[in-house]
Amino acid sequence: MVTKYIKRIDQYIIKKYLGTFFLAIALIISISIIFDVSENIDDFITKNAPIKAIILDYYLNFIPYYANLFSALFTFIAVIFFTSKMAYNSEIIAILASGVSYRRLMRPYMIASGVIAGMSWILGNFVIPSATDARVNFRNTYINNEFVNVDKNIHRQLEPGMYVYMQSYNNRLDVGYRFSIEKFDGKKLVTKLMAESIKWDRDKKKWVIQNYYIRDMRAEQEVIKTGVSMDTTLRMLPADFGQQNAKEETMDYWKINAYIKDLKLRGVDNVARYEQESYKRTAGPVSTFILSVIGVSLASRRMRGGLGIHLGIGLFLSFSYIMFMQVSTIFAVKVGFNALLAVWLPNLIYSFIAIGLYRWASK
């Protein structure tokens, strides 16, 4: 009889948790879509965006992206909201008075958190990347202005001991100017190629080096070669110099990890943005458990001020968590702070807050 009663409580709490969470997410996504339509309606009309593309390519892919983005925040709000109502209806007191420990009370919350965290991890690593690819392509076609590469003095490492340089790159024509390749054997320069330009041949899928000059220093004496045009394959593509906005968000679990490995090999500077995206896809779902513990610990105790004070404290903690996450990831990208530590630091700090509040609430 007691076991049946406890199972019924589990079902009741899980149903409340998931129901409140999905209702909150549905409301915020609906509001977000309305605001997005009002902001972009002029672009849709002036650029003749097809209705089918707007609905299927953009907004159908808009929903999972923003639902996953807001999941941690609304997990917290959902827990605060329905647990606070249970506390002020004396349901929490009745459950604890029946012999259920506070630790046992947390079980249905952790089960529901596990469902949300699992969904978030699968969406973030396997579903959303392909959806984001279609959404970003739509934005680049019908909303964003045409991208122009303005980078100067571009350096890349294509493989160990092989470096390329371009003074500038024109992404419209797929042409790099003042191009050079340097090959080293240890610290010794063995070959250097300098060229007026390098152009991507879209038919052959190869690079064409134009008006080149090669110094080969491997032999006893220096050998110089010149030429007008030469086809070559290099470990770089025009996409590496194209629009980079949200590129990391379009890669699934396998692609982003392989790409990070390749970037490190090539010596590209912006590896941190891809690393923090990869780490964030696990840290985000884990934060669901941490924020749930904080939410239950706060809302299960009756306070003067009722639901309002619970929501106020909850919103302060949730927004401070989000702000902390944003600041730490900016440090990883801009300052060179360790990406793994930057992404996981908010979870570590808020884990201590969760433990402290749990001990306070369980007394």
Protein backbone atom coordinates (compact mmCIF):
# COMPACT_ATOMS: atom_id res chain seq x y z
CA MET A 1 0.00 0.00 0.00
CA VAL A 2 2.82 2.42 0.92
CA THR A 3 4.77 1.46 -2.24
CA LYS A 4 1.68 2.08 -4.37
CA TYR A 5 1.19 5.47 -2.67
CA ILE A 6 4.84 6.45 -3.34
CA LYS A 7 4.60 5.42 -7.00
CA ARG A 8 1.45 7.51 -7.34
CA ILE A 9 3.35 10.50 -5.91
CA ASP A 10 6.17 9.90 -8.44
CA GLN A 11 3.70 9.86 -11.32
CA TYR A 12 1.97 12.97 -10.00
CA ILE A 13 5.21 14.98 -9.68
CA ILE A 14 6.63 13.81 -13.03
CA LYS A 15 3.36 14.67 -14.76
CA LYS A 16 3.32 18.11 -13.12
CA TYR A 17 6.99 18.71 -13.96
CA LEU A 18 6.87 17.70 -17.63
CA GLY A 19 3.45 19.24 -18.21
CA THR A 20 4.50 22.63 -16.81
CA PHE A 21 7.83 22.49 -18.69
CA PHE A 22 6.34 21.73 -22.11
CA LEU A 23 3.56 24.27 -21.63
CA ALA A 24 6.11 26.98 -20.75
CA ILE A 25 8.30 26.06 -23.74
CA ALA A 26 5.27 26.08 -26.08
CA LEU A 27 4.26 29.55 -24.86
CA ILE A 28 7.74 31.09 -25.20
CA ILE A 29 8.28 29.56 -28.66
CA SER A 30 4.91 30.89 -29.83
CA ILE A 31 5.80 34.37 -28.60
CA SER A 32 9.28 34.12 -30.17
CA ILE A 33 7.80 33.15 -33.55
CA ILE A 34 5.40 36.10 -33.45
CA PHE A 35 8.23 38.53 -32.70
CA ASP A 36 10.47 36.95 -35.36
CA VAL A 37 7.76 37.20 -38.03
CA SER A 38 7.14 40.87 -37.21
CA GLU A 39 10.90 41.58 -37.35
CA ASN A 40 11.59 39.76 -40.63
CA ILE A 41 8.33 40.20 -42.57
CA ASP A 42 9.83 43.02 -44.69
CA ASP A 43 12.76 40.81 -45.74
CA PHE A 44 10.41 37.95 -46.58
CA ILE A 45 8.39 40.23 -48.86
CA THR A 46 11.22 42.20 -50.52
CA LYS A 47 13.31 39.06 -51.21
CA ASN A 48 10.29 36.98 -52.34
CA ALA A 49 10.83 34.18 -49.83
CA PRO A 50 8.50 31.24 -50.68
CA ILE A 51 5.83 30.49 -48.07
CA LYS A 52 6.84 26.81 -48.10
CA ALA A 53 10.48 27.70 -47.35
CA ILE A 54 9.44 30.12 -44.59
CA ILE A 55 7.38 27.45 -42.85
CA LEU A 56 9.40 24.27 -43.51
CA ASP A 57 13.00 25.49 -43.81
CA TYR A 58 12.88 28.31 -41.30
CA TYR A 59 10.17 28.10 -38.66
CA LEU A 60 9.93 24.30 -38.50
CA ASN A 61 13.66 24.30 -37.73
CA PHE A 62 13.34 27.41 -35.55
CA ILE A 63 11.23 25.49 -32.99
CA PRO A 64 13.69 22.74 -31.87
CA TYR A 65 16.63 25.17 -31.82
CA TYR A 66 15.00 27.68 -29.48
CA ALA A 67 13.19 25.02 -27.46
CA ASN A 68 16.57 23.47 -26.65
CA LEU A 69 18.15 26.88 -26.08
CA PHE A 70 15.53 27.80 -23.46
CA SER A 71 15.21 24.31 -21.92
CA ALA A 72 17.48 24.88 -18.90
CA LEU A 73 15.81 28.18 -18.02
CA PHE A 74 12.29 26.80 -18.30
CA THR A 75 13.20 23.63 -16.47
CA PHE A 76 14.04 25.86 -13.52
CA ILE A 77 10.93 28.02 -13.87
CA ALA A 78 8.68 24.95 -14.22
CA VAL A 79 10.11 23.36 -11.06
CA ILE A 80 9.79 26.60 -9.09
CA PHE A 81 6.24 27.22 -10.30
CA PHE A 82 4.54 23.88 -9.63
CA THR A 83 6.60 22.97 -6.52
CA SER A 84 5.80 26.33 -4.93
CA LYS A 85 2.08 25.72 -5.55
CA MET A 86 2.42 22.27 -3.99
CA ALA A 87 4.18 23.77 -0.96
CA TYR A 88 1.48 26.42 -0.38
CA ASN A 89 -1.24 23.81 -0.80
CA SER A 90 0.55 21.83 1.97
CA GLU A 91 1.15 18.90 -0.43
CA ILE A 92 4.92 18.82 0.26
CA ILE A 93 4.23 18.74 4.03
CA ALA A 94 1.75 15.90 3.58
CA ILE A 95 4.20 13.87 1.48
CA LEU A 96 7.02 14.31 4.01
CA ALA A 97 4.68 13.64 6.95
CA SER A 98 3.69 10.29 5.40
CA GLY A 99 7.25 9.03 5.92
CA VAL A 100 8.78 9.94 2.55
CA SER A 101 12.28 11.35 3.04
CA TYR A 102 13.37 14.56 1.34
CA ARG A 103 15.94 12.56 -0.61
CA ARG A 104 13.18 10.20 -1.81
CA LEU A 105 11.07 13.22 -2.76
CA MET A 106 13.81 14.26 -5.19
CA ARG A 107 13.56 11.01 -7.17
CA PRO A 108 10.66 11.97 -9.50
CA TYR A 109 12.29 15.36 -10.09
CA MET A 110 15.52 13.63 -11.15
CA ILE A 111 13.61 11.20 -13.40
CA ALA A 112 11.82 14.07 -15.14
CA SER A 113 15.10 16.00 -15.37
CA GLY A 114 16.70 12.93 -16.94
CA VAL A 115 13.96 12.82 -19.60
CA ILE A 116 14.49 16.51 -20.45
CA ALA A 117 18.30 16.23 -20.30
CA GLY A 118 18.28 13.16 -22.56
CA MET A 119 16.04 14.88 -25.09
CA SER A 120 18.21 17.99 -24.96
CA TRP A 121 21.43 16.01 -25.53
CA ILE A 122 20.00 14.10 -28.51
CA LEU A 123 18.50 17.25 -30.02
CA GLY A 124 21.68 19.28 -29.50
CA ASN A 125 24.05 16.68 -30.95
CA PHE A 126 22.08 15.00 -33.72
CA VAL A 127 18.79 16.74 -34.61
CA ILE A 128 19.36 20.49 -34.25
CA PRO A 129 22.62 20.69 -36.29
CA SER A 130 20.92 19.60 -39.53
CA ALA A 131 17.89 21.75 -38.70
CA THR A 132 20.15 24.72 -37.99
CA ASP A 133 21.93 24.20 -41.31
CA ALA A 134 18.64 24.63 -43.18
CA ARG A 135 17.63 27.58 -40.98
CA VAL A 136 20.99 29.35 -41.42
CA ASN A 137 20.91 28.80 -45.19
CA PHE A 138 17.46 30.36 -45.28
CA ARG A 139 18.64 33.37 -43.24
CA ASN A 140 21.70 33.84 -45.45
CA THR A 141 19.49 33.73 -48.56
CA TYR A 142 16.48 35.80 -47.52
CA ILE A 143 17.40 37.80 -44.38
CA ASN A 144 21.12 38.46 -43.97
CA ASN A 145 23.07 40.76 -46.26
CA GLU A 146 25.62 39.26 -48.66
CA PHE A 147 28.78 38.23 -46.82
CA VAL A 148 32.09 39.85 -47.75
CA ASN A 149 35.36 38.50 -46.35
CA VAL A 150 37.39 41.42 -44.99
CA ASP A 151 40.12 39.39 -43.24
CA LYS A 152 43.70 40.46 -43.95
CA ASN A 153 46.99 38.58 -43.57
CA ILE A 154 45.40 35.14 -43.28
CA HIS A 155 47.64 32.39 -41.85
CA ARG A 156 46.80 28.66 -41.77
CA GLN A 157 48.61 25.44 -40.92
CA LEU A 158 47.36 22.76 -43.30
CA GLU A 159 49.38 19.90 -41.85
CA PRO A 160 52.47 19.52 -39.63
CA GLY A 161 55.25 21.60 -41.12
CA MET A 162 53.12 23.13 -43.90
CA TYR A 163 51.87 26.73 -43.63
CA VAL A 164 49.97 28.96 -46.06
CA TYR A 165 49.53 32.71 -46.15
CA MET A 166 47.19 35.04 -48.05
CA GLN A 167 47.20 38.80 -47.90
CA SER A 168 43.41 38.78 -48.53
CA TYR A 169 40.62 36.53 -49.80
CA ASN A 170 37.66 37.40 -52.05
CA ASN A 171 34.85 35.00 -51.18
CA ARG A 172 32.70 36.16 -54.12
CA LEU A 173 35.34 35.11 -56.66
CA ASP A 174 36.99 32.41 -54.48
CA VAL A 175 40.39 34.03 -55.03
CA GLY A 176 43.22 34.57 -52.56
CA TYR A 177 45.84 37.24 -53.27
CA ARG A 178 49.57 37.34 -52.47
CA PHE A 179 49.59 33.63 -51.69
CA SER A 180 52.47 31.59 -50.28
CA ILE A 181 53.20 28.07 -48.99
CA GLU A 182 56.08 27.23 -46.68
CA LYS A 183 57.20 23.68 -45.88
CA PHE A 184 59.49 22.96 -42.94
CA ASP A 185 61.54 19.95 -41.93
CA GLY A 186 61.68 20.54 -38.18
CA LYS A 187 62.76 24.18 -37.94
CA LYS A 188 64.44 24.23 -41.35
CA LEU A 189 62.62 25.80 -44.30
CA VAL A 190 62.91 23.39 -47.24
CA THR A 191 60.42 24.74 -49.80
CA LYS A 192 58.69 28.06 -50.32
CA LEU A 193 56.11 28.87 -52.98
CA MET A 194 55.03 32.43 -53.66
CA ALA A 195 52.24 33.30 -56.09
CA GLU A 196 50.27 36.27 -57.29
CA SER A 197 46.99 34.51 -56.51
CA ILE A 198 45.25 31.20 -55.86
CA LYS A 199 41.78 30.47 -57.25
CA TRP A 200 39.29 27.70 -56.54
CA ASP A 201 38.23 25.83 -59.71
CA ARG A 202 34.60 24.95 -59.05
CA ASP A 203 34.48 22.37 -61.85
CA LYS A 204 37.67 20.47 -61.00
CA LYS A 205 37.28 21.02 -57.23
CA LYS A 206 40.94 22.02 -57.07
CA TRP A 207 43.00 25.11 -56.35
CA VAL A 208 44.76 26.83 -59.25
CA ILE A 209 47.97 28.68 -58.32
CA GLN A 210 48.74 31.52 -60.74
CA ASN A 211 52.08 33.21 -61.55
CA TYR A 212 54.08 31.25 -59.02
CA TYR A 213 57.71 31.19 -57.92
CA ILE A 214 59.18 28.18 -56.03
CA ARG A 215 62.41 28.05 -54.03
CA ASP A 216 63.45 24.46 -53.28
CA MET A 217 66.21 24.33 -50.65
CA ARG A 218 66.44 20.59 -50.03
CA ALA A 219 69.42 19.95 -52.30
CA GLU A 220 72.95 21.18 -51.86
CA GLN A 221 72.05 24.22 -53.88
CA GLU A 222 68.85 26.23 -54.12
CA VAL A 223 66.57 25.33 -57.06
CA ILE A 224 64.19 27.94 -58.42
CA LYS A 225 61.10 27.15 -60.49
CA THR A 226 58.55 29.50 -62.01
CA GLY A 227 55.28 29.00 -63.83
CA VAL A 228 52.06 30.59 -65.00
CA SER A 229 49.48 28.13 -63.67
CA MET A 230 49.48 24.96 -61.57
CA ASP A 231 46.61 22.81 -60.25
CA THR A 232 46.96 21.51 -56.70
CA THR A 233 44.97 19.97 -53.87
CA LEU A 234 45.30 21.51 -50.41
CA ARG A 235 43.63 20.78 -47.08
CA MET A 236 41.47 23.88 -47.27
CA LEU A 237 38.20 24.79 -48.96
CA PRO A 238 36.51 28.08 -49.94
CA ALA A 239 34.03 27.44 -47.09
CA ASP A 240 36.92 27.98 -44.65
CA PHE A 241 36.98 31.64 -45.74
CA GLY A 242 33.23 32.10 -46.15
CA GLN A 243 30.54 33.15 -43.70
CA GLN A 244 31.33 31.59 -40.33
CA ASN A 245 28.26 32.71 -38.35
CA ALA A 246 26.71 29.71 -36.58
CA LYS A 247 28.84 27.26 -38.60
CA GLU A 248 29.63 25.29 -35.43
CA GLU A 249 25.91 24.95 -34.70
CA THR A 250 25.34 23.11 -38.00
CA MET A 251 27.71 20.23 -37.15
CA ASP A 252 26.53 17.07 -35.42
CA TYR A 253 28.44 15.28 -32.66
CA TRP A 254 30.79 13.41 -35.00
CA LYS A 255 31.43 16.29 -37.42
CA ILE A 256 32.24 18.93 -34.82
CA ASN A 257 34.72 16.69 -32.99
CA ALA A 258 36.43 15.72 -36.26
CA TYR A 259 36.49 19.39 -37.30
CA ILE A 260 38.06 20.46 -33.99
CA LYS A 261 40.79 17.87 -34.48
CA ASP A 262 41.41 19.13 -38.01
CA LEU A 263 41.49 22.80 -36.92
CA LYS A 264 44.06 22.04 -34.23
CA LEU A 265 46.24 20.27 -36.77
CA ARG A 266 45.99 23.21 -39.16
CA GLY A 267 46.72 25.80 -36.46
CA VAL A 268 43.51 27.78 -36.93
CA ASP A 269 42.97 30.48 -34.29
CA ASN A 270 39.23 30.13 -33.61
CA VAL A 271 39.21 26.54 -32.30
CA ALA A 272 37.76 27.68 -28.94
CA ARG A 273 34.37 28.60 -30.43
CA TYR A 274 33.98 25.03 -31.76
CA GLU A 275 35.27 23.47 -28.54
CA GLN A 276 32.89 25.47 -26.37
CA GLU A 277 29.97 24.53 -28.66
CA SER A 278 30.88 20.85 -28.32
CA TYR A 279 31.24 21.04 -24.53
CA LYS A 280 28.08 23.14 -24.18
CA ARG A 281 26.00 20.36 -25.75
CA THR A 282 26.75 18.18 -22.71
CA ALA A 283 27.01 20.88 -20.03
CA GLY A 284 23.56 22.24 -20.94
CA PRO A 285 21.68 18.96 -20.34
CA VAL A 286 23.64 18.35 -17.10
CA SER A 287 22.57 21.79 -15.86
CA THR A 288 18.97 20.50 -15.92
CA PHE A 289 19.69 18.35 -12.86
CA ILE A 290 21.53 21.14 -11.03
CA LEU A 291 18.82 23.74 -11.63
CA SER A 292 16.11 21.23 -10.69
CA VAL A 293 17.74 20.62 -7.29
CA ILE A 294 18.02 24.37 -6.72
CA GLY A 295 14.40 24.88 -7.79
CA VAL A 296 13.01 22.15 -5.53
CA SER A 297 15.11 23.29 -2.57
CA LEU A 298 13.85 26.86 -2.90
CA ALA A 299 10.21 26.17 -3.70
CA SER A 300 9.52 23.32 -1.29
CA ARG A 301 9.95 25.61 1.72
CA ARG A 302 7.14 28.04 2.47
CA MET A 303 8.33 31.63 2.58
CA ARG A 304 6.68 34.93 3.33
CA GLY A 305 5.75 36.39 -0.03
CA GLY A 306 4.42 33.18 -1.53
CA LEU A 307 4.94 32.16 -5.16
CA GLY A 308 6.21 35.62 -6.05
CA ILE A 309 9.29 35.42 -3.83
CA HIS A 310 10.05 31.91 -5.09
CA LEU A 311 9.83 33.03 -8.73
CA GLY A 312 11.85 36.15 -7.98
CA ILE A 313 14.73 34.24 -6.40
CA GLY A 314 14.47 31.56 -9.07
CA LEU A 315 14.62 34.03 -11.95
CA PHE A 316 17.57 35.81 -10.35
CA LEU A 317 19.51 32.56 -10.04
CA SER A 318 18.58 31.31 -13.52
CA PHE A 319 19.48 34.58 -15.26
CA SER A 320 22.71 34.86 -13.25
CA TYR A 321 23.55 31.32 -14.39
CA ILE A 322 22.91 32.23 -18.04
CA MET A 323 24.91 35.45 -17.72
CA PHE A 324 27.78 33.56 -16.07
CA MET A 325 27.71 31.01 -18.90
CA GLN A 326 27.82 33.74 -21.57
CA VAL A 327 30.65 35.64 -19.89
CA SER A 328 32.78 32.53 -19.38
CA THR A 329 32.33 31.37 -23.00
CA ILE A 330 33.24 34.85 -24.28
CA PHE A 331 36.44 34.61 -22.24
CA ALA A 332 37.15 31.25 -23.90
CA VAL A 333 36.72 32.67 -27.43
CA LYS A 334 38.19 36.15 -27.01
CA VAL A 335 40.78 35.84 -24.24
CA GLY A 336 41.98 32.26 -24.69
CA PHE A 337 40.52 30.92 -21.42
CA ASN A 338 40.36 27.10 -21.39
CA ALA A 339 37.14 26.20 -23.26
CA LEU A 340 36.34 23.10 -21.16
CA LEU A 341 36.69 25.02 -17.90
CA ALA A 342 34.80 28.03 -19.29
CA VAL A 343 31.78 25.94 -20.24
CA TRP A 344 31.70 23.75 -17.12
CA LEU A 345 32.61 26.43 -14.53
CA PRO A 346 28.99 27.68 -14.12
CA ASN A 347 27.83 24.10 -13.54
CA LEU A 348 30.56 23.53 -10.94
CA ILE A 349 29.75 26.73 -9.04
CA TYR A 350 25.98 26.19 -9.15
CA SER A 351 26.47 22.57 -8.06
CA PHE A 352 27.84 23.90 -4.75
CA ILE A 353 24.84 26.28 -4.53
CA ALA A 354 22.51 23.32 -5.20
CA ILE A 355 24.17 21.22 -2.47
CA GLY A 356 23.95 24.06 0.04
CA LEU A 357 20.26 24.75 -0.70
CA TYR A 358 19.43 21.03 -0.65
CA ARG A 359 20.92 20.66 2.83
CA TRP A 360 19.07 23.78 4.01
CA ALA A 361 15.72 22.59 2.59
CA SER A 362 16.02 19.01 3.89
CA LYS A 363 16.44 20.09 7.55
